[in-house]
Amino acid sequence: MPTNEKELNCNLFDQLTLLERIERQVEKGDLQSVKEEIGYLKKEIERKLYQQPPLTQSNQ
């Protein structure tokens, strides 16, 4: 969960950017490009999710 408004806004802007990129490919009518764009975006998201070192530290 976002801890503050700035973090929330960053998440929303990232989501908006993803949608705009997919929409651009849909408007071109090229479904293969849409699939490729989605695959690329998934890889971007996974890099952010599984970055090393993690953004938060777990206290055990």
PDB file of N, CA and C in Angstrom:
ATOM      1  N   MET A   1       0.846  -1.189   0.000  1.00  0.00           N
ATOM      2  CA  MET A   1       0.000   0.000   0.000  1.00  0.00           C
ATOM      3  C   MET A   1       0.881   1.239   0.000  1.00  0.00           C
ATOM      4  N   PRO A   2       0.489   2.223  -0.791  1.00  0.00           N
ATOM      5  CA  PRO A   2       1.237   3.487  -0.766  1.00  0.00           C
ATOM      6  C   PRO A   2       1.157   4.128   0.613  1.00  0.00           C
ATOM      7  N   THR A   3       2.266   4.720   1.021  1.00  0.00           N
ATOM      8  CA  THR A   3       2.299   5.300   2.360  1.00  0.00           C
ATOM      9  C   THR A   3       1.991   6.788   2.363  1.00  0.00           C
ATOM     10  N   ASN A   4       2.009   7.421   1.201  1.00  0.00           N
ATOM     11  CA  ASN A   4       1.716   8.843   1.155  1.00  0.00           C
ATOM     12  C   ASN A   4       1.151   9.229  -0.209  1.00  0.00           C
ATOM     13  N   GLU A   5       0.709  10.466  -0.325  1.00  0.00           N
ATOM     14  CA  GLU A   5       0.059  10.915  -1.560  1.00  0.00           C
ATOM     15  C   GLU A   5       1.023  10.891  -2.742  1.00  0.00           C
ATOM     16  N   LYS A   6       2.274  11.246  -2.518  1.00  0.00           N
ATOM     17  CA  LYS A   6       3.259  11.261  -3.606  1.00  0.00           C
ATOM     18  C   LYS A   6       3.452   9.858  -4.168  1.00  0.00           C
ATOM     19  N   GLU A   7       3.558   8.890  -3.294  1.00  0.00           N
ATOM     20  CA  GLU A   7       3.737   7.501  -3.735  1.00  0.00           C
ATOM     21  C   GLU A   7       2.500   7.020  -4.495  1.00  0.00           C
ATOM     22  N   LEU A   8       1.334   7.364  -4.000  1.00  0.00           N
ATOM     23  CA  LEU A   8       0.092   6.996  -4.673  1.00  0.00           C
ATOM     24  C   LEU A   8       0.036   7.622  -6.061  1.00  0.00           C
ATOM     25  N   ASN A   9       0.377   8.912  -6.165  1.00  0.00           N
ATOM     26  CA  ASN A   9       0.367   9.585  -7.460  1.00  0.00           C
ATOM     27  C   ASN A   9       1.334   8.937  -8.432  1.00  0.00           C
ATOM     28  N   CYS A  10       2.502   8.552  -7.955  1.00  0.00           N
ATOM     29  CA  CYS A  10       3.482   7.878  -8.823  1.00  0.00           C
ATOM     30  C   CYS A  10       2.906   6.576  -9.361  1.00  0.00           C
ATOM     31  N   ASN A  11       2.251   5.821  -8.495  1.00  0.00           N
ATOM     32  CA  ASN A  11       1.638   4.567  -8.929  1.00  0.00           C
ATOM     33  C   ASN A  11       0.557   4.817  -9.976  1.00  0.00           C
ATOM     34  N   LEU A  12      -0.257   5.834  -9.753  1.00  0.00           N
ATOM     35  CA  LEU A  12      -1.331   6.140 -10.701  1.00  0.00           C
ATOM     36  C   LEU A  12      -0.774   6.608 -12.039  1.00  0.00           C
ATOM     37  N   PHE A  13       0.271   7.428 -12.020  1.00  0.00           N
ATOM     38  CA  PHE A  13       0.889   7.871 -13.267  1.00  0.00           C
ATOM     39  C   PHE A  13       1.502   6.696 -14.023  1.00  0.00           C
ATOM     40  N   ASP A  14       2.114   5.773 -13.309  1.00  0.00           N
ATOM     41  CA  ASP A  14       2.670   4.581 -13.956  1.00  0.00           C
ATOM     42  C   ASP A  14       1.566   3.772 -14.632  1.00  0.00           C
ATOM     43  N   GLN A  15       0.458   3.602 -13.944  1.00  0.00           N
ATOM     44  CA  GLN A  15      -0.660   2.851 -14.516  1.00  0.00           C
ATOM     45  C   GLN A  15      -1.227   3.562 -15.737  1.00  0.00           C
ATOM     46  N   LEU A  16      -1.360   4.872 -15.664  1.00  0.00           N
ATOM     47  CA  LEU A  16      -1.862   5.644 -16.783  1.00  0.00           C
ATOM     48  C   LEU A  16      -0.928   5.523 -17.990  1.00  0.00           C
ATOM     49  N   THR A  17       0.360   5.571 -17.747  1.00  0.00           N
ATOM     50  CA  THR A  17       1.339   5.425 -18.823  1.00  0.00           C
ATOM     51  C   THR A  17       1.214   4.063 -19.487  1.00  0.00           C
ATOM     52  N   LEU A  18       1.049   3.022 -18.686  1.00  0.00           N
ATOM     53  CA  LEU A  18       0.884   1.682 -19.251  1.00  0.00           C
ATOM     54  C   LEU A  18      -0.340   1.608 -20.150  1.00  0.00           C
ATOM     55  N   LEU A  19      -1.434   2.156 -19.696  1.00  0.00           N
ATOM     56  CA  LEU A  19      -2.660   2.134 -20.491  1.00  0.00           C
ATOM     57  C   LEU A  19      -2.510   2.922 -21.788  1.00  0.00           C
ATOM     58  N   GLU A  20      -1.851   4.058 -21.721  1.00  0.00           N
ATOM     59  CA  GLU A  20      -1.651   4.870 -22.919  1.00  0.00           C
ATOM     60  C   GLU A  20      -0.784   4.143 -23.936  1.00  0.00           C
ATOM     61  N   ARG A  21       0.230   3.433 -23.470  1.00  0.00           N
ATOM     62  CA  ARG A  21       1.096   2.697 -24.386  1.00  0.00           C
ATOM     63  C   ARG A  21       0.330   1.581 -25.081  1.00  0.00           C
ATOM     64  N   ILE A  22      -0.498   0.866 -24.339  1.00  0.00           N
ATOM     65  CA  ILE A  22      -1.306  -0.202 -24.933  1.00  0.00           C
ATOM     66  C   ILE A  22      -2.328   0.395 -25.893  1.00  0.00           C
ATOM     67  N   GLU A  23      -2.969   1.474 -25.495  1.00  0.00           N
ATOM     68  CA  GLU A  23      -3.973   2.131 -26.338  1.00  0.00           C
ATOM     69  C   GLU A  23      -3.373   2.575 -27.676  1.00  0.00           C
ATOM     70  N   ARG A  24      -2.145   3.063 -27.651  1.00  0.00           N
ATOM     71  CA  ARG A  24      -1.470   3.498 -28.873  1.00  0.00           C
ATOM     72  C   ARG A  24      -1.336   2.339 -29.859  1.00  0.00           C
ATOM     73  N   GLN A  25      -1.012   1.160 -29.366  1.00  0.00           N
ATOM     74  CA  GLN A  25      -0.879  -0.007 -30.235  1.00  0.00           C
ATOM     75  C   GLN A  25      -2.241  -0.475 -30.756  1.00  0.00           C
ATOM     76  N   VAL A  26      -3.272  -0.391 -29.915  1.00  0.00           N
ATOM     77  CA  VAL A  26      -4.621  -0.780 -30.340  1.00  0.00           C
ATOM     78  C   VAL A  26      -5.096   0.119 -31.478  1.00  0.00           C
ATOM     79  N   GLU A  27      -4.817   1.418 -31.365  1.00  0.00           N
ATOM     80  CA  GLU A  27      -5.232   2.357 -32.409  1.00  0.00           C
ATOM     81  C   GLU A  27      -4.560   2.046 -33.744  1.00  0.00           C
ATOM     82  N   LYS A  28      -3.360   1.486 -33.702  1.00  0.00           N
ATOM     83  CA  LYS A  28      -2.675   1.087 -34.932  1.00  0.00           C
ATOM     84  C   LYS A  28      -3.310  -0.157 -35.534  1.00  0.00           C
ATOM     85  N   GLY A  29      -4.093  -0.880 -34.732  1.00  0.00           N
ATOM     86  CA  GLY A  29      -4.775  -2.081 -35.213  1.00  0.00           C
ATOM     87  C   GLY A  29      -3.879  -3.297 -35.301  1.00  0.00           C
ATOM     88  N   ASP A  30      -2.733  -3.240 -34.691  1.00  0.00           N
ATOM     89  CA  ASP A  30      -1.773  -4.340 -34.772  1.00  0.00           C
ATOM     90  C   ASP A  30      -1.793  -5.125 -33.469  1.00  0.00           C
ATOM     91  N   LEU A  31      -2.536  -6.219 -33.459  1.00  0.00           N
ATOM     92  CA  LEU A  31      -2.683  -7.005 -32.239  1.00  0.00           C
ATOM     93  C   LEU A  31      -1.370  -7.648 -31.805  1.00  0.00           C
ATOM     94  N   GLN A  32      -0.508  -7.984 -32.757  1.00  0.00           N
ATOM     95  CA  GLN A  32       0.789  -8.546 -32.381  1.00  0.00           C
ATOM     96  C   GLN A  32       1.598  -7.504 -31.607  1.00  0.00           C
ATOM     97  N   SER A  33       1.522  -6.239 -32.036  1.00  0.00           N
ATOM     98  CA  SER A  33       2.220  -5.168 -31.316  1.00  0.00           C
ATOM     99  C   SER A  33       1.661  -5.006 -29.916  1.00  0.00           C
ATOM    100  N   VAL A  34       0.344  -5.167 -29.783  1.00  0.00           N
ATOM    101  CA  VAL A  34      -0.286  -5.065 -28.465  1.00  0.00           C
ATOM    102  C   VAL A  34       0.255  -6.170 -27.557  1.00  0.00           C
ATOM    103  N   LYS A  35       0.323  -7.393 -28.054  1.00  0.00           N
ATOM    104  CA  LYS A  35       0.847  -8.501 -27.264  1.00  0.00           C
ATOM    105  C   LYS A  35       2.304  -8.248 -26.873  1.00  0.00           C
ATOM    106  N   GLU A  36       3.100  -7.743 -27.819  1.00  0.00           N
ATOM    107  CA  GLU A  36       4.503  -7.461 -27.529  1.00  0.00           C
ATOM    108  C   GLU A  36       4.625  -6.356 -26.480  1.00  0.00           C
ATOM    109  N   GLU A  37       3.791  -5.316 -26.598  1.00  0.00           N
ATOM    110  CA  GLU A  37       3.826  -4.213 -25.636  1.00  0.00           C
ATOM    111  C   GLU A  37       3.464  -4.705 -24.237  1.00  0.00           C
ATOM    112  N   ILE A  38       2.449  -5.545 -24.146  1.00  0.00           N
ATOM    113  CA  ILE A  38       2.040  -6.094 -22.854  1.00  0.00           C
ATOM    114  C   ILE A  38       3.165  -6.929 -22.259  1.00  0.00           C
ATOM    115  N   GLY A  39       3.828  -7.741 -23.077  1.00  0.00           N
ATOM    116  CA  GLY A  39       4.944  -8.547 -22.595  1.00  0.00           C
ATOM    117  C   GLY A  39       6.083  -7.681 -22.073  1.00  0.00           C
ATOM    118  N   TYR A  40       6.388  -6.616 -22.792  1.00  0.00           N
ATOM    119  CA  TYR A  40       7.447  -5.707 -22.366  1.00  0.00           C
ATOM    120  C   TYR A  40       7.077  -5.013 -21.055  1.00  0.00           C
ATOM    121  N   LEU A  41       5.823  -4.574 -20.948  1.00  0.00           N
ATOM    122  CA  LEU A  41       5.368  -3.897 -19.736  1.00  0.00           C
ATOM    123  C   LEU A  41       5.397  -4.841 -18.533  1.00  0.00           C
ATOM    124  N   LYS A  42       5.044  -6.103 -18.746  1.00  0.00           N
ATOM    125  CA  LYS A  42       5.118  -7.080 -17.655  1.00  0.00           C
ATOM    126  C   LYS A  42       6.544  -7.200 -17.138  1.00  0.00           C
ATOM    127  N   LYS A  43       7.508  -7.230 -18.062  1.00  0.00           N
ATOM    128  CA  LYS A  43       8.910  -7.327 -17.651  1.00  0.00           C
ATOM    129  C   LYS A  43       9.332  -6.098 -16.859  1.00  0.00           C
ATOM    130  N   GLU A  44       8.869  -4.906 -17.277  1.00  0.00           N
ATOM    131  CA  GLU A  44       9.179  -3.677 -16.537  1.00  0.00           C
ATOM    132  C   GLU A  44       8.646  -3.754 -15.112  1.00  0.00           C
ATOM    133  N   ILE A  45       7.409  -4.205 -14.982  1.00  0.00           N
ATOM    134  CA  ILE A  45       6.771  -4.306 -13.662  1.00  0.00           C
ATOM    135  C   ILE A  45       7.514  -5.309 -12.786  1.00  0.00           C
ATOM    136  N   GLU A  46       7.877  -6.445 -13.364  1.00  0.00           N
ATOM    137  CA  GLU A  46       8.594  -7.457 -12.585  1.00  0.00           C
ATOM    138  C   GLU A  46       9.946  -6.935 -12.115  1.00  0.00           C
ATOM    139  N   ARG A  47      10.626  -6.144 -12.943  1.00  0.00           N
ATOM    140  CA  ARG A  47      11.907  -5.570 -12.511  1.00  0.00           C
ATOM    141  C   ARG A  47      11.704  -4.665 -11.305  1.00  0.00           C
ATOM    142  N   LYS A  48      10.613  -3.902 -11.310  1.00  0.00           N
ATOM    143  CA  LYS A  48      10.336  -3.016 -10.180  1.00  0.00           C
ATOM    144  C   LYS A  48       9.957  -3.817  -8.938  1.00  0.00           C
ATOM    145  N   LEU A  49       9.159  -4.864  -9.118  1.00  0.00           N
ATOM    146  CA  LEU A  49       8.699  -5.659  -7.982  1.00  0.00           C
ATOM    147  C   LEU A  49       9.834  -6.422  -7.315  1.00  0.00           C
ATOM    148  N   TYR A  50      10.747  -6.933  -8.118  1.00  0.00           N
ATOM    149  CA  TYR A  50      11.775  -7.826  -7.589  1.00  0.00           C
ATOM    150  C   TYR A  50      13.155  -7.192  -7.591  1.00  0.00           C
ATOM    151  N   GLN A  51      13.210  -5.857  -7.513  1.00  0.00           N
ATOM    152  CA  GLN A  51      14.501  -5.176  -7.527  1.00  0.00           C
ATOM    153  C   GLN A  51      15.331  -5.536  -6.307  1.00  0.00           C
ATOM    154  N   GLN A  52      16.628  -5.483  -6.506  1.00  0.00           N
ATOM    155  CA  GLN A  52      17.568  -5.767  -5.426  1.00  0.00           C
ATOM    156  C   GLN A  52      18.435  -4.549  -5.218  1.00  0.00           C
ATOM    157  N   PRO A  53      18.627  -4.042  -4.065  1.00  0.00           N
ATOM    158  CA  PRO A  53      17.956  -4.454  -2.837  1.00  0.00           C
ATOM    159  C   PRO A  53      16.511  -3.934  -2.827  1.00  0.00           C
ATOM    160  N   PRO A  54      15.648  -4.570  -2.058  1.00  0.00           N
ATOM    161  CA  PRO A  54      14.255  -4.111  -1.986  1.00  0.00           C
ATOM    162  C   PRO A  54      14.169  -2.713  -1.379  1.00  0.00           C
ATOM    163  N   LEU A  55      13.117  -2.013  -1.725  1.00  0.00           N
ATOM    164  CA  LEU A  55      12.921  -0.658  -1.218  1.00  0.00           C
ATOM    165  C   LEU A  55      12.669  -0.633   0.281  1.00  0.00           C
ATOM    166  N   THR A  56      12.041  -1.663   0.784  1.00  0.00           N
ATOM    167  CA  THR A  56      11.739  -1.716   2.218  1.00  0.00           C
ATOM    168  C   THR A  56      12.576  -2.786   2.878  1.00  0.00           C
ATOM    169  N   GLN A  57      12.905  -2.581   4.103  1.00  0.00           N
ATOM    170  CA  GLN A  57      13.664  -3.554   4.885  1.00  0.00           C
ATOM    171  C   GLN A  57      12.722  -4.254   5.825  1.00  0.00           C
ATOM    172  N   SER A  58      12.847  -5.556   5.921  1.00  0.00           N
ATOM    173  CA  SER A  58      12.007  -6.293   6.874  1.00  0.00           C
ATOM    174  C   SER A  58      12.778  -6.438   8.178  1.00  0.00           C
ATOM    175  N   ASN A  59      12.119  -6.119   9.250  1.00  0.00           N
ATOM    176  CA  ASN A  59      12.719  -6.233  10.578  1.00  0.00           C
ATOM    177  C   ASN A  59      12.289  -7.549  11.206  1.00  0.00           C
ATOM    178  N   GLN A  60      13.243  -8.442  11.388  1.00  0.00           N
ATOM    179  CA  GLN A  60      12.902  -9.740  11.974  1.00  0.00           C
ATOM    180  C   GLN A  60      13.661  -9.950  13.246  1.00  0.00           C
TER     181      GLN A  60
END
